[in-house]
Amino acid sequence: MNKTIAIIGGGPGGYVAAIRAAQLGAKVTLIEKNSLGGTCLNVGCIPTKALLQSAEALEQVKQAQKFGIQTELQGFDWTTVMKRKDRVVKQLVKGVTGLMKSNQIEILQGSASFIDDQTIEVNAPDGEKVDLQPDQIILATGSKPFIPSIQGLDTYNGWLDSSKALALEELPESMIIIGGGVIGIEFASIFNSFGVEVTIVEEQPEILPAMDQELAGLLRKKLAKAGINFLLGQRVEAVTGNETNVELSLGEDTLCGEKLLVAVGRRSYIEGLGLENTSIQTERQRILVNDHLQTNVPNVYAIGDCTGQNMLAHYASAQGEIAAENALDSHESFDGQVTPGCVYLDPEFAGVGLTEQQATKKGINYRTGKFPLKASGKALAMDKTYGFAKVLVEEETDKLIGVHLLCERATDLITEAACVLQHGGTAEEVIATIHPHPTLSEAFREATLAADHRAIHISN
């Protein structure tokens, strides 16, 4: 008899786990209380990228004369921009729904909670309750926006989280964003492109603190030139506001704007799951798992944001495949050390492996190589010469330990670097790989050459 698996959560971790389990012959039930695709597809990765694409199209029209194209910009229609975003999301949700059907996966709409270690109760929207006792359970309940402890934030109802920011029917004249991480920076770029005066308040001394700080600083300068204001090393102490404006207290200074977006990261979402009725171990609002993505209850696995490890959609999807395989008698260990991080701006920013700060902290002896995009023929033809490629090479082994790209299509190019790091590749192996010309991918090879003082298209 085929094993039965229940998966709670239909985001990029859960629905991928469901498909993989079905491929392996299990009878799969996927439980989702909202829309399939989770945060990423509905109110995260996909809709923000759709808006960024509209912003890029607007910028291309503005720059068209540089390329000899005669055109006249007549403005933009925000309503149409938002409708396109919604169409993209709807099409992808429909696609995921189709995948569930083609893989014969049963979808239960409703909220799931544990009655005990082995029993799940699903509460449907119509009030009907269904009890399940599957052979295996995979938890993929995702995350929700983290709300910082700022005085007044609990009484002022006019602030936005990322979901509300994606549903604005009208653009404000100004917006303050608390948080200079990936979410805050991408929203800043979107709204700035459409004429909103944006100010970012970040507690750390630089934006994107988890990424290469040299490149982060370079990106910030580009965004500042585009009109985004930055207040770094500043802590918001209090918030007051009404329907038309908001005021932030920054110690002795105050900052005023029309809208406030709070974007200081996300936290694991495990509320309402009934874990108190089980022996499943948690720590600081996250579910604990071993290398096999298994909880302390042998037939219960957890993946993605609810484990609090690395809150990225592709990380959750990779875990989903491994968890499904292990639930069906495999014994694979999950290794997520080589997971690219991406920021979708102009230029794009992507990194994989160690940053210089992390390598230094670990006491690793390394050398760096850099290649500026202004020396790339393809980048020059595209008029996308801002930024550079950086590689970190371990001295003793010649292995690449980190690659960081600030350039056009960096989020696509980083996959080659991830493959090299995943397989312990060396600088010499990258150099020996013929890269097509003219392409942006040459910048990665040239940066690797530069680490050995062998760069061809820049002086060493």
Foldseek 3Di string as FASTA:
>chain_A
DAFEEEEEAQALQRLLLQLLLLVVPHAYEYEEADFHHPCCLQQHVQLLVLLQVVLVVLVCQVCVVVVVDDDDDPADDVQVSLVSSVVSSVVVSVVSVVSCVVSVYHYAHADWADLEPQKIWGQHPVRDIDIDRGQFYEYEHAWDFDDDPAAAPVPDPQAAESRVLSVDPDQFQEEEEEAQAQSRVSSLQSNLSNRHQYEYEYLAQFGRVVDARVQRVLVVVVVVVSRYHYHYNWDFRHKDDDQQKIWTDGDVDIDIDGYYYYHHDIAADDPPRHCVNYPQDDDPQAGDADQLQATPSRRYGYFERSNVDDHDSVRSSQSSSSNSVVNVPDDDGDDDQFDKDWHVHQQIKIKTFDHPVRCVVVVFAKFKFKDFQVLAPVCVVVVWGRWIKMWIAGPVPQFTGMIITGTHPPVVLCVVVSVSVVVRHGLVVLLPDDDDPRDPNVRNNQRSCRSVLRRDRDHD
